[in-house]
Amino acid sequence: MIKKEHKFLKTPNKNSNSIFDLLEMTGKVGEFLVYLVPYLILTSIGTLIKMTFLTLISLATFNQWIKLKNLWNRKYISSQIGNP
């Protein structure tokens, strides 16, 4: 019994340099770019939003423990370091 190969599963001829092979490859590259570019843009935007949000949370938390206004006050520094 001879098994017939499906027309979509045939392996392409390796020596073929036709315009159709070039168009097929261009289509694959174009499809890759169509999915890659939005992915990179959305991931970059998401990362920026996440880093901004986490930075604001960390600054607010840090301000609860050490008041940023008093951080460089001479009295606060001398009480933390001691009299030089």
PDB file of N, CA and C in Angstrom:
ATOM      1  N   MET A   1       0.838  -1.173   0.000  1.00  0.00           N
ATOM      2  CA  MET A   1       0.000   0.000   0.000  1.00  0.00           C
ATOM      3  C   MET A   1       0.894   1.252   0.000  1.00  0.00           C
ATOM      4  N   ILE A   2       0.692   2.086  -0.961  1.00  0.00           N
ATOM      5  CA  ILE A   2       1.473   3.314  -1.080  1.00  0.00           C
ATOM      6  C   ILE A   2       0.678   4.440  -0.431  1.00  0.00           C
ATOM      7  N   LYS A   3       1.369   5.116   0.482  1.00  0.00           N
ATOM      8  CA  LYS A   3       0.722   6.208   1.202  1.00  0.00           C
ATOM      9  C   LYS A   3       0.916   7.502   0.418  1.00  0.00           C
ATOM     10  N   LYS A   4      -0.180   8.194   0.108  1.00  0.00           N
ATOM     11  CA  LYS A   4      -0.087   9.460  -0.615  1.00  0.00           C
ATOM     12  C   LYS A   4       0.221  10.587   0.366  1.00  0.00           C
ATOM     13  N   GLU A   5       1.084  11.456  -0.068  1.00  0.00           N
ATOM     14  CA  GLU A   5       1.435  12.605   0.753  1.00  0.00           C
ATOM     15  C   GLU A   5       0.425  13.723   0.498  1.00  0.00           C
ATOM     16  N   HIS A   6       0.014  14.368   1.566  1.00  0.00           N
ATOM     17  CA  HIS A   6      -0.940  15.466   1.436  1.00  0.00           C
ATOM     18  C   HIS A   6      -0.258  16.640   0.750  1.00  0.00           C
ATOM     19  N   LYS A   7      -1.002  17.400  -0.051  1.00  0.00           N
ATOM     20  CA  LYS A   7      -0.383  18.467  -0.835  1.00  0.00           C
ATOM     21  C   LYS A   7       0.178  19.593   0.032  1.00  0.00           C
ATOM     22  N   PHE A   8      -0.360  19.786   1.252  1.00  0.00           N
ATOM     23  CA  PHE A   8       0.157  20.845   2.122  1.00  0.00           C
ATOM     24  C   PHE A   8       1.349  20.383   2.944  1.00  0.00           C
ATOM     25  N   LEU A   9       1.566  19.078   3.024  1.00  0.00           N
ATOM     26  CA  LEU A   9       2.667  18.549   3.819  1.00  0.00           C
ATOM     27  C   LEU A   9       3.883  18.212   2.983  1.00  0.00           C
ATOM     28  N   LYS A  10       3.853  18.462   1.707  1.00  0.00           N
ATOM     29  CA  LYS A  10       4.991  18.153   0.849  1.00  0.00           C
ATOM     30  C   LYS A  10       6.167  19.038   1.226  1.00  0.00           C
ATOM     31  N   THR A  11       7.337  18.448   1.223  1.00  0.00           N
ATOM     32  CA  THR A  11       8.536  19.230   1.501  1.00  0.00           C
ATOM     33  C   THR A  11       8.910  20.004   0.246  1.00  0.00           C
ATOM     34  N   PRO A  12       9.251  21.272   0.391  1.00  0.00           N
ATOM     35  CA  PRO A  12       9.578  22.064  -0.796  1.00  0.00           C
ATOM     36  C   PRO A  12      10.905  21.632  -1.396  1.00  0.00           C
ATOM     37  N   ASN A  13      11.049  21.878  -2.659  1.00  0.00           N
ATOM     38  CA  ASN A  13      12.284  21.566  -3.356  1.00  0.00           C
ATOM     39  C   ASN A  13      13.369  22.522  -2.869  1.00  0.00           C
ATOM     40  N   LYS A  14      14.489  21.965  -2.407  1.00  0.00           N
ATOM     41  CA  LYS A  14      15.545  22.799  -1.833  1.00  0.00           C
ATOM     42  C   LYS A  14      16.259  23.641  -2.900  1.00  0.00           C
ATOM     43  N   ASN A  15      16.246  23.192  -4.147  1.00  0.00           N
ATOM     44  CA  ASN A  15      16.943  23.917  -5.205  1.00  0.00           C
ATOM     45  C   ASN A  15      16.071  24.983  -5.854  1.00  0.00           C
ATOM     46  N   SER A  16      14.853  25.110  -5.406  1.00  0.00           N
ATOM     47  CA  SER A  16      13.932  26.044  -6.033  1.00  0.00           C
ATOM     48  C   SER A  16      14.199  27.459  -5.535  1.00  0.00           C
ATOM     49  N   ASN A  17      14.351  28.373  -6.479  1.00  0.00           N
ATOM     50  CA  ASN A  17      14.564  29.783  -6.139  1.00  0.00           C
ATOM     51  C   ASN A  17      13.488  30.640  -6.782  1.00  0.00           C
ATOM     52  N   SER A  18      12.291  30.176  -6.762  1.00  0.00           N
ATOM     53  CA  SER A  18      11.232  30.894  -7.459  1.00  0.00           C
ATOM     54  C   SER A  18      10.762  32.091  -6.645  1.00  0.00           C
ATOM     55  N   ILE A  19      10.053  32.949  -7.292  1.00  0.00           N
ATOM     56  CA  ILE A  19       9.503  34.137  -6.650  1.00  0.00           C
ATOM     57  C   ILE A  19       8.472  33.759  -5.600  1.00  0.00           C
ATOM     58  N   PHE A  20       7.829  32.608  -5.783  1.00  0.00           N
ATOM     59  CA  PHE A  20       6.824  32.175  -4.816  1.00  0.00           C
ATOM     60  C   PHE A  20       7.457  31.792  -3.479  1.00  0.00           C
ATOM     61  N   ASP A  21       8.656  31.211  -3.540  1.00  0.00           N
ATOM     62  CA  ASP A  21       9.357  30.902  -2.293  1.00  0.00           C
ATOM     63  C   ASP A  21       9.745  32.188  -1.566  1.00  0.00           C
ATOM     64  N   LEU A  22      10.170  33.177  -2.332  1.00  0.00           N
ATOM     65  CA  LEU A  22      10.524  34.466  -1.740  1.00  0.00           C
ATOM     66  C   LEU A  22       9.302  35.133  -1.115  1.00  0.00           C
ATOM     67  N   LEU A  23       8.171  35.068  -1.801  1.00  0.00           N
ATOM     68  CA  LEU A  23       6.944  35.651  -1.258  1.00  0.00           C
ATOM     69  C   LEU A  23       6.480  34.917  -0.009  1.00  0.00           C
ATOM     70  N   GLU A  24       6.652  33.606  -0.003  1.00  0.00           N
ATOM     71  CA  GLU A  24       6.263  32.830   1.174  1.00  0.00           C
ATOM     72  C   GLU A  24       7.126  33.209   2.374  1.00  0.00           C
ATOM     73  N   MET A  25       8.437  33.359   2.137  1.00  0.00           N
ATOM     74  CA  MET A  25       9.335  33.744   3.212  1.00  0.00           C
ATOM     75  C   MET A  25       9.018  35.167   3.691  1.00  0.00           C
ATOM     76  N   THR A  26       8.725  36.062   2.765  1.00  0.00           N
ATOM     77  CA  THR A  26       8.373  37.436   3.122  1.00  0.00           C
ATOM     78  C   THR A  26       7.097  37.465   3.956  1.00  0.00           C
ATOM     79  N   GLY A  27       6.146  36.615   3.610  1.00  0.00           N
ATOM     80  CA  GLY A  27       4.916  36.531   4.392  1.00  0.00           C
ATOM     81  C   GLY A  27       5.176  36.074   5.808  1.00  0.00           C
ATOM     82  N   LYS A  28       6.098  35.117   5.973  1.00  0.00           N
ATOM     83  CA  LYS A  28       6.414  34.634   7.318  1.00  0.00           C
ATOM     84  C   LYS A  28       7.114  35.716   8.134  1.00  0.00           C
ATOM     85  N   VAL A  29       8.028  36.444   7.491  1.00  0.00           N
ATOM     86  CA  VAL A  29       8.723  37.532   8.184  1.00  0.00           C
ATOM     87  C   VAL A  29       7.741  38.643   8.528  1.00  0.00           C
ATOM     88  N   GLY A  30       6.846  38.960   7.613  1.00  0.00           N
ATOM     89  CA  GLY A  30       5.837  39.994   7.872  1.00  0.00           C
ATOM     90  C   GLY A  30       4.922  39.609   9.013  1.00  0.00           C
ATOM     91  N   GLU A  31       4.528  38.343   9.047  1.00  0.00           N
ATOM     92  CA  GLU A  31       3.678  37.874  10.142  1.00  0.00           C
ATOM     93  C   GLU A  31       4.421  37.959  11.469  1.00  0.00           C
ATOM     94  N   PHE A  32       5.711  37.629  11.434  1.00  0.00           N
ATOM     95  CA  PHE A  32       6.534  37.721  12.642  1.00  0.00           C
ATOM     96  C   PHE A  32       6.583  39.163  13.140  1.00  0.00           C
ATOM     97  N   LEU A  33       6.779  40.111  12.224  1.00  0.00           N
ATOM     98  CA  LEU A  33       6.850  41.519  12.618  1.00  0.00           C
ATOM     99  C   LEU A  33       5.505  42.048  13.110  1.00  0.00           C
ATOM    100  N   VAL A  34       4.424  41.559  12.511  1.00  0.00           N
ATOM    101  CA  VAL A  34       3.089  42.005  12.926  1.00  0.00           C
ATOM    102  C   VAL A  34       2.834  41.625  14.377  1.00  0.00           C
ATOM    103  N   TYR A  35       3.335  40.482  14.809  1.00  0.00           N
ATOM    104  CA  TYR A  35       3.141  40.068  16.196  1.00  0.00           C
ATOM    105  C   TYR A  35       4.232  40.606  17.118  1.00  0.00           C
ATOM    106  N   LEU A  36       5.440  40.800  16.599  1.00  0.00           N
ATOM    107  CA  LEU A  36       6.557  41.211  17.439  1.00  0.00           C
ATOM    108  C   LEU A  36       6.465  42.679  17.854  1.00  0.00           C
ATOM    109  N   VAL A  37       6.174  43.559  16.924  1.00  0.00           N
ATOM    110  CA  VAL A  37       6.194  45.000  17.210  1.00  0.00           C
ATOM    111  C   VAL A  37       5.165  45.391  18.278  1.00  0.00           C
ATOM    112  N   PRO A  38       3.896  44.986  18.172  1.00  0.00           N
ATOM    113  CA  PRO A  38       2.961  45.337  19.251  1.00  0.00           C
ATOM    114  C   PRO A  38       3.338  44.707  20.588  1.00  0.00           C
ATOM    115  N   TYR A  39       3.895  43.497  20.545  1.00  0.00           N
ATOM    116  CA  TYR A  39       4.320  42.848  21.787  1.00  0.00           C
ATOM    117  C   TYR A  39       5.395  43.677  22.479  1.00  0.00           C
ATOM    118  N   LEU A  40       6.389  44.115  21.720  1.00  0.00           N
ATOM    119  CA  LEU A  40       7.466  44.908  22.316  1.00  0.00           C
ATOM    120  C   LEU A  40       6.960  46.256  22.821  1.00  0.00           C
ATOM    121  N   ILE A  41       6.074  46.887  22.072  1.00  0.00           N
ATOM    122  CA  ILE A  41       5.536  48.186  22.492  1.00  0.00           C
ATOM    123  C   ILE A  41       4.720  48.039  23.773  1.00  0.00           C
ATOM    124  N   LEU A  42       3.827  47.059  23.804  1.00  0.00           N
ATOM    125  CA  LEU A  42       2.975  46.881  24.982  1.00  0.00           C
ATOM    126  C   LEU A  42       3.774  46.449  26.204  1.00  0.00           C
ATOM    127  N   THR A  43       4.799  45.607  26.007  1.00  0.00           N
ATOM    128  CA  THR A  43       5.606  45.210  27.160  1.00  0.00           C
ATOM    129  C   THR A  43       6.409  46.383  27.692  1.00  0.00           C
ATOM    130  N   SER A  44       6.918  47.220  26.809  1.00  0.00           N
ATOM    131  CA  SER A  44       7.674  48.394  27.258  1.00  0.00           C
ATOM    132  C   SER A  44       6.776  49.361  28.027  1.00  0.00           C
ATOM    133  N   ILE A  45       5.589  49.612  27.514  1.00  0.00           N
ATOM    134  CA  ILE A  45       4.653  50.508  28.205  1.00  0.00           C
ATOM    135  C   ILE A  45       4.258  49.919  29.556  1.00  0.00           C
ATOM    136  N   GLY A  46       3.987  48.633  29.591  1.00  0.00           N
ATOM    137  CA  GLY A  46       3.629  47.976  30.852  1.00  0.00           C
ATOM    138  C   GLY A  46       4.748  48.043  31.866  1.00  0.00           C
ATOM    139  N   THR A  47       5.984  47.870  31.407  1.00  0.00           N
ATOM    140  CA  THR A  47       7.131  47.951  32.310  1.00  0.00           C
ATOM    141  C   THR A  47       7.282  49.361  32.862  1.00  0.00           C
ATOM    142  N   LEU A  48       7.111  50.367  32.022  1.00  0.00           N
ATOM    143  CA  LEU A  48       7.215  51.753  32.498  1.00  0.00           C
ATOM    144  C   LEU A  48       6.134  52.078  33.525  1.00  0.00           C
ATOM    145  N   ILE A  49       4.913  51.626  33.275  1.00  0.00           N
ATOM    146  CA  ILE A  49       3.823  51.863  34.230  1.00  0.00           C
ATOM    147  C   ILE A  49       4.118  51.158  35.546  1.00  0.00           C
ATOM    148  N   LYS A  50       4.574  49.923  35.468  1.00  0.00           N
ATOM    149  CA  LYS A  50       4.866  49.158  36.675  1.00  0.00           C
ATOM    150  C   LYS A  50       5.991  49.807  37.482  1.00  0.00           C
ATOM    151  N   MET A  51       7.066  50.229  36.808  1.00  0.00           N
ATOM    152  CA  MET A  51       8.188  50.836  37.518  1.00  0.00           C
ATOM    153  C   MET A  51       7.786  52.175  38.138  1.00  0.00           C
ATOM    154  N   THR A  52       6.982  52.960  37.445  1.00  0.00           N
ATOM    155  CA  THR A  52       6.509  54.230  38.005  1.00  0.00           C
ATOM    156  C   THR A  52       5.648  53.991  39.233  1.00  0.00           C
ATOM    157  N   PHE A  53       4.732  53.046  39.147  1.00  0.00           N
ATOM    158  CA  PHE A  53       3.853  52.720  40.264  1.00  0.00           C
ATOM    159  C   PHE A  53       4.654  52.221  41.466  1.00  0.00           C
ATOM    160  N   LEU A  54       5.610  51.327  41.237  1.00  0.00           N
ATOM    161  CA  LEU A  54       6.412  50.799  42.342  1.00  0.00           C
ATOM    162  C   LEU A  54       7.318  51.868  42.948  1.00  0.00           C
ATOM    163  N   THR A  55       7.812  52.783  42.127  1.00  0.00           N
ATOM    164  CA  THR A  55       8.638  53.872  42.644  1.00  0.00           C
ATOM    165  C   THR A  55       7.816  54.795  43.535  1.00  0.00           C
ATOM    166  N   LEU A  56       6.606  55.121  43.113  1.00  0.00           N
ATOM    167  CA  LEU A  56       5.745  55.983  43.934  1.00  0.00           C
ATOM    168  C   LEU A  56       5.381  55.305  45.252  1.00  0.00           C
ATOM    169  N   ILE A  57       5.106  54.013  45.211  1.00  0.00           N
ATOM    170  CA  ILE A  57       4.792  53.286  46.449  1.00  0.00           C
ATOM    171  C   ILE A  57       5.996  53.271  47.379  1.00  0.00           C
ATOM    172  N   SER A  58       7.189  53.039  46.833  1.00  0.00           N
ATOM    173  CA  SER A  58       8.376  52.989  47.685  1.00  0.00           C
ATOM    174  C   SER A  58       8.691  54.360  48.281  1.00  0.00           C
ATOM    175  N   LEU A  59       8.487  55.436  47.511  1.00  0.00           N
ATOM    176  CA  LEU A  59       8.713  56.776  48.064  1.00  0.00           C
ATOM    177  C   LEU A  59       7.712  57.103  49.167  1.00  0.00           C
ATOM    178  N   ALA A  60       6.465  56.713  48.980  1.00  0.00           N
ATOM    179  CA  ALA A  60       5.452  56.971  50.006  1.00  0.00           C
ATOM    180  C   ALA A  60       5.748  56.178  51.272  1.00  0.00           C
ATOM    181  N   THR A  61       6.191  54.948  51.123  1.00  0.00           N
ATOM    182  CA  THR A  61       6.517  54.120  52.285  1.00  0.00           C
ATOM    183  C   THR A  61       7.750  54.662  53.000  1.00  0.00           C
ATOM    184  N   PHE A  62       8.752  55.069  52.227  1.00  0.00           N
ATOM    185  CA  PHE A  62       9.970  55.613  52.813  1.00  0.00           C
ATOM    186  C   PHE A  62       9.672  56.911  53.558  1.00  0.00           C
ATOM    187  N   ASN A  63       8.738  57.703  53.049  1.00  0.00           N
ATOM    188  CA  ASN A  63       8.385  58.969  53.678  1.00  0.00           C
ATOM    189  C   ASN A  63       7.678  58.750  55.017  1.00  0.00           C
ATOM    190  N   GLN A  64       7.049  57.592  55.203  1.00  0.00           N
ATOM    191  CA  GLN A  64       6.406  57.309  56.487  1.00  0.00           C
ATOM    192  C   GLN A  64       7.449  57.069  57.573  1.00  0.00           C
ATOM    193  N   TRP A  65       8.539  56.390  57.227  1.00  0.00           N
ATOM    194  CA  TRP A  65       9.553  56.072  58.228  1.00  0.00           C
ATOM    195  C   TRP A  65      10.501  57.239  58.470  1.00  0.00           C
ATOM    196  N   ILE A  66      10.957  57.860  57.406  1.00  0.00           N
ATOM    197  CA  ILE A  66      11.875  58.990  57.512  1.00  0.00           C
ATOM    198  C   ILE A  66      11.255  60.128  56.717  1.00  0.00           C
ATOM    199  N   LYS A  67      10.957  61.198  57.377  1.00  0.00           N
ATOM    200  CA  LYS A  67      10.350  62.335  56.686  1.00  0.00           C
ATOM    201  C   LYS A  67      11.383  62.955  55.746  1.00  0.00           C
ATOM    202  N   LEU A  68      11.025  63.040  54.480  1.00  0.00           N
ATOM    203  CA  LEU A  68      11.978  63.530  53.488  1.00  0.00           C
ATOM    204  C   LEU A  68      12.329  64.998  53.705  1.00  0.00           C
ATOM    205  N   LYS A  69      11.403  65.770  54.292  1.00  0.00           N
ATOM    206  CA  LYS A  69      11.699  67.184  54.554  1.00  0.00           C
ATOM    207  C   LYS A  69      12.794  67.318  55.609  1.00  0.00           C
ATOM    208  N   ASN A  70      12.776  66.428  56.584  1.00  0.00           N
ATOM    209  CA  ASN A  70      13.740  66.521  57.680  1.00  0.00           C
ATOM    210  C   ASN A  70      15.013  65.728  57.422  1.00  0.00           C
ATOM    211  N   LEU A  71      15.106  65.079  56.289  1.00  0.00           N
ATOM    212  CA  LEU A  71      16.236  64.187  56.045  1.00  0.00           C
ATOM    213  C   LEU A  71      17.563  64.939  56.040  1.00  0.00           C
ATOM    214  N   TRP A  72      17.602  66.124  55.436  1.00  0.00           N
ATOM    215  CA  TRP A  72      18.844  66.878  55.364  1.00  0.00           C
ATOM    216  C   TRP A  72      18.864  68.045  56.360  1.00  0.00           C
ATOM    217  N   ASN A  73      18.006  67.999  57.353  1.00  0.00           N
ATOM    218  CA  ASN A  73      18.008  69.005  58.402  1.00  0.00           C
ATOM    219  C   ASN A  73      19.231  68.782  59.297  1.00  0.00           C
ATOM    220  N   ARG A  74      19.898  69.858  59.674  1.00  0.00           N
ATOM    221  CA  ARG A  74      21.133  69.745  60.466  1.00  0.00           C
ATOM    222  C   ARG A  74      20.871  69.073  61.807  1.00  0.00           C
ATOM    223  N   LYS A  75      19.741  69.402  62.439  1.00  0.00           N
ATOM    224  CA  LYS A  75      19.416  68.817  63.737  1.00  0.00           C
ATOM    225  C   LYS A  75      19.199  67.299  63.608  1.00  0.00           C
ATOM    226  N   TYR A  76      18.516  66.885  62.549  1.00  0.00           N
ATOM    227  CA  TYR A  76      18.253  65.452  62.341  1.00  0.00           C
ATOM    228  C   TYR A  76      19.551  64.701  62.066  1.00  0.00           C
ATOM    229  N   ILE A  77      20.409  65.286  61.248  1.00  0.00           N
ATOM    230  CA  ILE A  77      21.673  64.620  60.919  1.00  0.00           C
ATOM    231  C   ILE A  77      22.555  64.509  62.151  1.00  0.00           C
ATOM    232  N   SER A  78      22.627  65.572  62.928  1.00  0.00           N
ATOM    233  CA  SER A  78      23.482  65.524  64.125  1.00  0.00           C
ATOM    234  C   SER A  78      22.929  64.552  65.158  1.00  0.00           C
ATOM    235  N   SER A  79      21.618  64.394  65.239  1.00  0.00           N
ATOM    236  CA  SER A  79      21.067  63.424  66.188  1.00  0.00           C
ATOM    237  C   SER A  79      21.316  61.988  65.728  1.00  0.00           C
ATOM    238  N   GLN A  80      21.386  61.766  64.439  1.00  0.00           N
ATOM    239  CA  GLN A  80      21.629  60.419  63.930  1.00  0.00           C
ATOM    240  C   GLN A  80      23.112  60.059  63.917  1.00  0.00           C
ATOM    241  N   ILE A  81      23.955  61.017  63.603  1.00  0.00           N
ATOM    242  CA  ILE A  81      25.389  60.739  63.486  1.00  0.00           C
ATOM    243  C   ILE A  81      26.104  60.994  64.806  1.00  0.00           C
ATOM    244  N   GLY A  82      25.656  61.962  65.524  1.00  0.00           N
ATOM    245  CA  GLY A  82      26.358  62.393  66.730  1.00  0.00           C
ATOM    246  C   GLY A  82      27.095  63.681  66.429  1.00  0.00           C
ATOM    247  N   ASN A  83      27.563  64.330  67.461  1.00  0.00           N
ATOM    248  CA  ASN A  83      28.274  65.598  67.261  1.00  0.00           C
ATOM    249  C   ASN A  83      29.680  65.312  66.755  1.00  0.00           C
ATOM    250  N   PRO A  84      30.036  65.889  65.610  1.00  0.00           N
ATOM    251  CA  PRO A  84      31.389  65.635  65.074  1.00  0.00           C
ATOM    252  C   PRO A  84      32.461  66.384  65.844  1.00  0.00           C
TER     253      PRO A  84
END
